[in-house]
PDB file of N, CA and C in Angstrom:
ATOM      1  N   UNK A   1     136.112 101.145 101.925  1.00  0.00           N
ATOM      2  CA  UNK A   1     134.987 101.211 101.263  1.00  0.00           C
ATOM      3  C   UNK A   1     133.763 100.649 101.596  1.00  0.00           C
ATOM      4  N   UNK A   2     132.348 101.188 101.895  1.00  0.00           N
ATOM      5  CA  UNK A   2     131.570 100.872 102.470  1.00  0.00           C
ATOM      6  C   UNK A   2     130.485  99.935 101.355  1.00  0.00           C
ATOM      7  N   UNK A   3     130.266  98.622 101.591  1.00  0.00           N
ATOM      8  CA  UNK A   3     129.056  98.188 100.419  1.00  0.00           C
ATOM      9  C   UNK A   3     127.702  99.309 100.421  1.00  0.00           C
ATOM     10  N   UNK A   4     127.409  99.227  99.396  1.00  0.00           N
ATOM     11  CA  UNK A   4     126.271  99.801  98.810  1.00  0.00           C
ATOM     12  C   UNK A   4     124.864  99.341  98.543  1.00  0.00           C
ATOM     13  N   UNK A   5     123.398  99.206  99.179  1.00  0.00           N
ATOM     14  CA  UNK A   5     122.427  98.562  99.077  1.00  0.00           C
ATOM     15  C   UNK A   5     121.212  99.375  98.398  1.00  0.00           C
ATOM     16  N   UNK A   6     120.899  99.095  97.210  1.00  0.00           N
ATOM     17  CA  UNK A   6     119.584  99.911  96.530  1.00  0.00           C
ATOM     18  C   UNK A   6     118.252  99.203  96.828  1.00  0.00           C
ATOM     19  N   UNK A   7     117.200 100.050  97.184  1.00  0.00           N
ATOM     20  CA  UNK A   7     115.843  99.614  96.785  1.00  0.00           C
ATOM     21  C   UNK A   7     115.359 100.245  96.473  1.00  0.00           C
ATOM     22  N   UNK A   8     114.709  99.594  95.585  1.00  0.00           N
ATOM     23  CA  UNK A   8     113.363 100.401  94.519  1.00  0.00           C
ATOM     24  C   UNK A   8     112.211  99.889  94.914  1.00  0.00           C
ATOM     25  N   UNK A   9     111.624 101.146  94.604  1.00  0.00           N
ATOM     26  CA  UNK A   9     109.598 101.093  95.300  1.00  0.00           C
ATOM     27  C   UNK A   9     109.389 101.875  93.793  1.00  0.00           C
ATOM     28  N   UNK A  10     108.351 100.705  93.141  1.00  0.00           N
ATOM     29  CA  UNK A  10     107.733 101.667  92.097  1.00  0.00           C
ATOM     30  C   UNK A  10     106.722 102.491  92.792  1.00  0.00           C
ATOM     31  N   UNK A  11     106.572 103.216  91.602  1.00  0.00           N
ATOM     32  CA  UNK A  11     105.562 104.636  91.583  1.00  0.00           C
ATOM     33  C   UNK A  11     104.464 103.957  92.073  1.00  0.00           C
ATOM     34  N   UNK A  12     103.616 102.974  91.746  1.00  0.00           N
ATOM     35  CA  UNK A  12     102.191 102.465  91.596  1.00  0.00           C
ATOM     36  C   UNK A  12     102.192 101.783  93.305  1.00  0.00           C
ATOM     37  N   UNK A  13     103.332 101.244  93.531  1.00  0.00           N
ATOM     38  CA  UNK A  13     103.248 100.736  95.177  1.00  0.00           C
ATOM     39  C   UNK A  13     103.053 101.885  96.515  1.00  0.00           C
ATOM     40  N   UNK A  14     103.529 103.008  95.928  1.00  0.00           N
ATOM     41  CA  UNK A  14     103.503 104.287  97.033  1.00  0.00           C
ATOM     42  C   UNK A  14     102.279 104.438  97.417  1.00  0.00           C
ATOM     43  N   UNK A  15     101.853 104.336  98.994  1.00  0.00           N
ATOM     44  CA  UNK A  15     100.858 104.442  99.379  1.00  0.00           C
ATOM     45  C   UNK A  15     100.515 105.787  99.287  1.00  0.00           C
ATOM     46  N   UNK A  16      99.054 106.633  99.275  1.00  0.00           N
ATOM     47  CA  UNK A  16      98.471 107.760  99.258  1.00  0.00           C
ATOM     48  C   UNK A  16      98.949 108.531 100.670  1.00  0.00           C
ATOM     49  N   UNK A  17      99.357 109.380 100.844  1.00  0.00           N
ATOM     50  CA  UNK A  17      99.405 110.657  99.746  1.00  0.00           C
ATOM     51  C   UNK A  17     100.391 110.704  98.851  1.00  0.00           C
ATOM     52  N   UNK A  18     101.956 109.971  99.035  1.00  0.00           N
ATOM     53  CA  UNK A  18     102.768 110.011  98.360  1.00  0.00           C
ATOM     54  C   UNK A  18     102.673 109.731  96.941  1.00  0.00           C
ATOM     55  N   UNK A  19     101.907 108.362  96.397  1.00  0.00           N
ATOM     56  CA  UNK A  19     101.534 108.504  95.379  1.00  0.00           C
ATOM     57  C   UNK A  19     101.273 109.547  94.321  1.00  0.00           C
ATOM     58  N   UNK A  20     100.238 110.310  95.008  1.00  0.00           N
ATOM     59  CA  UNK A  20      99.664 111.515  94.484  1.00  0.00           C
ATOM     60  C   UNK A  20     101.005 112.858  94.148  1.00  0.00           C
ATOM     61  N   UNK A  21     101.840 113.022  94.721  1.00  0.00           N
ATOM     62  CA  UNK A  21     102.691 113.596  94.588  1.00  0.00           C
ATOM     63  C   UNK A  21     103.613 113.601  93.429  1.00  0.00           C
ATOM     64  N   UNK A  22     104.470 114.844  92.971  1.00  0.00           N
ATOM     65  CA  UNK A  22     105.105 114.113  92.081  1.00  0.00           C
ATOM     66  C   UNK A  22     106.480 113.544  92.565  1.00  0.00           C
ATOM     67  N   UNK A  23     107.018 112.653  91.482  1.00  0.00           N
ATOM     68  CA  UNK A  23     108.030 111.509  92.244  1.00  0.00           C
ATOM     69  C   UNK A  23     109.325 112.009  92.764  1.00  0.00           C
ATOM     70  N   UNK A  24     109.361 113.287  92.397  1.00  0.00           N
ATOM     71  CA  UNK A  24     110.635 114.090  92.832  1.00  0.00           C
ATOM     72  C   UNK A  24     110.508 114.231  94.160  1.00  0.00           C
ATOM     73  N   UNK A  25     109.225 114.981  94.598  1.00  0.00           N
ATOM     74  CA  UNK A  25     108.724 115.294  95.849  1.00  0.00           C
ATOM     75  C   UNK A  25     108.636 114.370  96.854  1.00  0.00           C
ATOM     76  N   UNK A  26     108.057 112.869  96.215  1.00  0.00           N
ATOM     77  CA  UNK A  26     108.010 111.978  96.821  1.00  0.00           C
ATOM     78  C   UNK A  26     109.625 111.473  97.443  1.00  0.00           C
ATOM     79  N   UNK A  27     110.541 111.351  96.448  1.00  0.00           N
ATOM     80  CA  UNK A  27     111.781 110.584  96.858  1.00  0.00           C
ATOM     81  C   UNK A  27     112.408 111.525  98.140  1.00  0.00           C
ATOM     82  N   UNK A  28     112.198 112.970  97.626  1.00  0.00           N
ATOM     83  CA  UNK A  28     112.628 113.987  98.610  1.00  0.00           C
ATOM     84  C   UNK A  28     112.227 113.682 100.366  1.00  0.00           C
ATOM     85  N   UNK A  29     110.829 113.618  99.908  1.00  0.00           N
ATOM     86  CA  UNK A  29     109.821 113.182 101.353  1.00  0.00           C
ATOM     87  C   UNK A  29     110.878 111.854 101.715  1.00  0.00           C
ATOM     88  N   UNK A  30     110.693 110.570 101.617  1.00  0.00           N
ATOM     89  CA  UNK A  30     111.657 109.314 101.527  1.00  0.00           C
ATOM     90  C   UNK A  30     113.062 109.413 102.270  1.00  0.00           C
ATOM     91  N   UNK A  31     113.595 110.202 101.924  1.00  0.00           N
ATOM     92  CA  UNK A  31     115.038 110.794 101.557  1.00  0.00           C
ATOM     93  C   UNK A  31     115.095 111.464 103.248  1.00  0.00           C
ATOM     94  N   UNK A  32     114.334 112.322 103.348  1.00  0.00           N
ATOM     95  CA  UNK A  32     114.410 113.202 104.874  1.00  0.00           C
ATOM     96  C   UNK A  32     113.824 112.176 105.745  1.00  0.00           C
ATOM     97  N   UNK A  33     112.742 111.182 105.701  1.00  0.00           N
ATOM     98  CA  UNK A  33     112.374 110.416 106.867  1.00  0.00           C
ATOM     99  C   UNK A  33     113.558 109.780 107.020  1.00  0.00           C
ATOM    100  N   UNK A  34     114.197 108.887 106.469  1.00  0.00           N
ATOM    101  CA  UNK A  34     114.998 107.947 106.629  1.00  0.00           C
ATOM    102  C   UNK A  34     116.725 108.783 107.668  1.00  0.00           C
ATOM    103  N   UNK A  35     116.887 110.233 106.553  1.00  0.00           N
ATOM    104  CA  UNK A  35     117.860 110.860 107.450  1.00  0.00           C
ATOM    105  C   UNK A  35     117.328 111.515 108.783  1.00  0.00           C
ATOM    106  N   UNK A  36     116.090 111.671 108.750  1.00  0.00           N
ATOM    107  CA  UNK A  36     115.254 112.051 110.504  1.00  0.00           C
ATOM    108  C   UNK A  36     115.699 110.745 111.372  1.00  0.00           C
ATOM    109  N   UNK A  37     115.821 109.500 111.225  1.00  0.00           N
ATOM    110  CA  UNK A  37     116.187 108.112 111.648  1.00  0.00           C
ATOM    111  C   UNK A  37     117.467 107.840 111.738  1.00  0.00           C
ATOM    112  N   UNK A  38     118.556 108.760 111.152  1.00  0.00           N
ATOM    113  CA  UNK A  38     119.866 108.765 111.332  1.00  0.00           C
ATOM    114  C   UNK A  38     120.258 107.613 110.161  1.00  0.00           C
ATOM    115  N   UNK A  39     119.407 107.731 109.240  1.00  0.00           N
ATOM    116  CA  UNK A  39     119.890 106.519 108.140  1.00  0.00           C
ATOM    117  C   UNK A  39     120.582 107.133 107.056  1.00  0.00           C
ATOM    118  N   UNK A  40     121.505 107.341 106.539  1.00  0.00           N
ATOM    119  CA  UNK A  40     122.471 107.769 105.793  1.00  0.00           C
ATOM    120  C   UNK A  40     121.865 107.452 104.274  1.00  0.00           C
ATOM    121  N   UNK A  41     120.970 107.722 103.281  1.00  0.00           N
ATOM    122  CA  UNK A  41     120.539 107.352 102.429  1.00  0.00           C
ATOM    123  C   UNK A  41     120.107 108.863 101.228  1.00  0.00           C
ATOM    124  N   UNK A  42     120.226 108.046  99.798  1.00  0.00           N
ATOM    125  CA  UNK A  42     120.023 109.259  99.045  1.00  0.00           C
ATOM    126  C   UNK A  42     118.980 108.645  98.120  1.00  0.00           C
ATOM    127  N   UNK A  43     117.939 109.490  97.913  1.00  0.00           N
ATOM    128  CA  UNK A  43     116.876 108.878  97.508  1.00  0.00           C
ATOM    129  C   UNK A  43     116.205 109.864  96.183  1.00  0.00           C
ATOM    130  N   UNK A  44     116.016 109.080  94.824  1.00  0.00           N
ATOM    131  CA  UNK A  44     115.954 109.915  93.620  1.00  0.00           C
ATOM    132  C   UNK A  44     114.393 109.379  92.670  1.00  0.00           C
ATOM    133  N   UNK A  45     114.168 110.022  91.879  1.00  0.00           N
ATOM    134  CA  UNK A  45     113.287 109.632  91.217  1.00  0.00           C
ATOM    135  C   UNK A  45     114.004 108.882  90.009  1.00  0.00           C
ATOM    136  N   UNK A  46     113.519 107.782  89.618  1.00  0.00           N
ATOM    137  CA  UNK A  46     114.303 106.674  88.163  1.00  0.00           C
ATOM    138  C   UNK A  46     113.239 106.594  87.112  1.00  0.00           C
ATOM    139  N   UNK A  47     112.556 107.493  86.672  1.00  0.00           N
ATOM    140  CA  UNK A  47     111.525 107.470  85.812  1.00  0.00           C
ATOM    141  C   UNK A  47     110.473 106.111  86.268  1.00  0.00           C
ATOM    142  N   UNK A  48     110.217 104.858  86.462  1.00  0.00           N
ATOM    143  CA  UNK A  48     109.391 104.433  86.707  1.00  0.00           C
ATOM    144  C   UNK A  48     109.410 104.014  88.378  1.00  0.00           C
ATOM    145  N   UNK A  49     110.195 104.246  89.005  1.00  0.00           N
ATOM    146  CA  UNK A  49     110.252 103.546  90.595  1.00  0.00           C
ATOM    147  C   UNK A  49     111.075 104.672  91.207  1.00  0.00           C
ATOM    148  N   UNK A  50     111.109 104.752  92.698  1.00  0.00           N
ATOM    149  CA  UNK A  50     112.214 105.676  93.665  1.00  0.00           C
ATOM    150  C   UNK A  50     113.156 104.999  93.921  1.00  0.00           C
ATOM    151  N   UNK A  51     114.371 104.996  93.658  1.00  0.00           N
ATOM    152  CA  UNK A  51     115.718 104.706  93.966  1.00  0.00           C
ATOM    153  C   UNK A  51     116.406 104.959  95.250  1.00  0.00           C
ATOM    154  N   UNK A  52     116.497 104.410  96.260  1.00  0.00           N
ATOM    155  CA  UNK A  52     117.289 104.773  97.780  1.00  0.00           C
ATOM    156  C   UNK A  52     118.276 103.884  97.680  1.00  0.00           C
ATOM    157  N   UNK A  53     119.718 104.646  97.727  1.00  0.00           N
ATOM    158  CA  UNK A  53     120.755 103.936  97.698  1.00  0.00           C
ATOM    159  C   UNK A  53     121.285 104.583  99.203  1.00  0.00           C
ATOM    160  N   UNK A  54     121.612 103.612 100.125  1.00  0.00           N
ATOM    161  CA  UNK A  54     122.024 103.485 101.467  1.00  0.00           C
ATOM    162  C   UNK A  54     123.765 102.405 101.976  1.00  0.00           C
ATOM    163  N   UNK A  55     124.193 102.743 102.853  1.00  0.00           N
ATOM    164  CA  UNK A  55     125.043 101.963 102.787  1.00  0.00           C
ATOM    165  C   UNK A  55     124.456 100.646 103.782  1.00  0.00           C
ATOM    166  N   UNK A  56     125.047  99.394 103.310  1.00  0.00           N
ATOM    167  CA  UNK A  56     124.116  98.240 103.673  1.00  0.00           C
ATOM    168  C   UNK A  56     124.281  97.662 105.202  1.00  0.00           C
ATOM    169  N   UNK A  57     125.329  98.387 105.756  1.00  0.00           N
ATOM    170  CA  UNK A  57     124.966  98.373 107.335  1.00  0.00           C
ATOM    171  C   UNK A  57     123.927  99.330 107.708  1.00  0.00           C
ATOM    172  N   UNK A  58     123.396  99.712 106.973  1.00  0.00           N
ATOM    173  CA  UNK A  58     121.909 100.457 107.455  1.00  0.00           C
ATOM    174  C   UNK A  58     120.624 100.069 107.327  1.00  0.00           C
ATOM    175  N   UNK A  59     120.733  98.726 106.072  1.00  0.00           N
ATOM    176  CA  UNK A  59     119.759  98.183 105.544  1.00  0.00           C
ATOM    177  C   UNK A  59     118.733  97.679 106.326  1.00  0.00           C
ATOM    178  N   UNK A  60     119.264  97.377 107.550  1.00  0.00           N
ATOM    179  CA  UNK A  60     118.027  96.647 108.561  1.00  0.00           C
ATOM    180  C   UNK A  60     117.140  97.813 108.951  1.00  0.00           C
ATOM    181  N   UNK A  61     117.803  99.034 109.532  1.00  0.00           N
ATOM    182  CA  UNK A  61     116.913  99.967 110.141  1.00  0.00           C
ATOM    183  C   UNK A  61     116.303 100.450 108.798  1.00  0.00           C
ATOM    184  N   UNK A  62     116.919 100.719 107.811  1.00  0.00           N
ATOM    185  CA  UNK A  62     116.187 101.437 106.776  1.00  0.00           C
ATOM    186  C   UNK A  62     114.596 100.419 106.325  1.00  0.00           C
ATOM    187  N   UNK A  63     115.252  99.230 106.629  1.00  0.00           N
ATOM    188  CA  UNK A  63     113.900  98.126 105.823  1.00  0.00           C
ATOM    189  C   UNK A  63     112.599  98.220 106.925  1.00  0.00           C
ATOM    190  N   UNK A  64     113.118  98.394 108.558  1.00  0.00           N
ATOM    191  CA  UNK A  64     112.207  98.505 109.214  1.00  0.00           C
ATOM    192  C   UNK A  64     111.182 100.252 109.172  1.00  0.00           C
ATOM    193  N   UNK A  65     112.150 101.247 109.194  1.00  0.00           N
ATOM    194  CA  UNK A  65     111.667 102.146 108.717  1.00  0.00           C
ATOM    195  C   UNK A  65     110.457 102.682 107.730  1.00  0.00           C
ATOM    196  N   UNK A  66     111.179 101.846 106.752  1.00  0.00           N
ATOM    197  CA  UNK A  66     110.288 101.749 105.447  1.00  0.00           C
ATOM    198  C   UNK A  66     108.780 101.251 105.528  1.00  0.00           C
ATOM    199  N   UNK A  67     109.135 100.091 106.234  1.00  0.00           N
ATOM    200  CA  UNK A  67     108.004  98.758 106.528  1.00  0.00           C
ATOM    201  C   UNK A  67     107.195  99.927 107.495  1.00  0.00           C
ATOM    202  N   UNK A  68     107.328 100.800 108.385  1.00  0.00           N
ATOM    203  CA  UNK A  68     106.565 101.428 109.129  1.00  0.00           C
ATOM    204  C   UNK A  68     105.759 102.372 108.281  1.00  0.00           C
ATOM    205  N   UNK A  69     106.434 102.948 107.633  1.00  0.00           N
ATOM    206  CA  UNK A  69     105.899 103.829 106.494  1.00  0.00           C
ATOM    207  C   UNK A  69     104.783 103.170 105.402  1.00  0.00           C
ATOM    208  N   UNK A  70     105.108 102.012 105.243  1.00  0.00           N
ATOM    209  CA  UNK A  70     104.373 101.183 104.264  1.00  0.00           C
ATOM    210  C   UNK A  70     104.631 101.192 102.983  1.00  0.00           C
ATOM    211  N   UNK A  71     106.053 101.629 102.935  1.00  0.00           N
ATOM    212  CA  UNK A  71     106.747 101.693 101.905  1.00  0.00           C
ATOM    213  C   UNK A  71     106.989 100.247 101.139  1.00  0.00           C
ATOM    214  N   UNK A  72     107.161  99.437 102.228  1.00  0.00           N
ATOM    215  CA  UNK A  72     107.685  98.208 101.417  1.00  0.00           C
ATOM    216  C   UNK A  72     107.029  97.169 102.418  1.00  0.00           C
TER     217      UNK A  72
END
């Protein structure tokens, strides 16, 4: 079994134009961007934040990619 990490990004912290889209669309865009980089991730809207779940082994790559998008 692989360890899983969860990253949470508050809606208010999303940069423009992501913060102007509906939360489900923002989650889909983030998930697609991670997958385009070869990172297995599931992103979803959870009322006040975007929840991203991914294998812990891909945390460093995901963090680098999310930082390049100014999400973290």
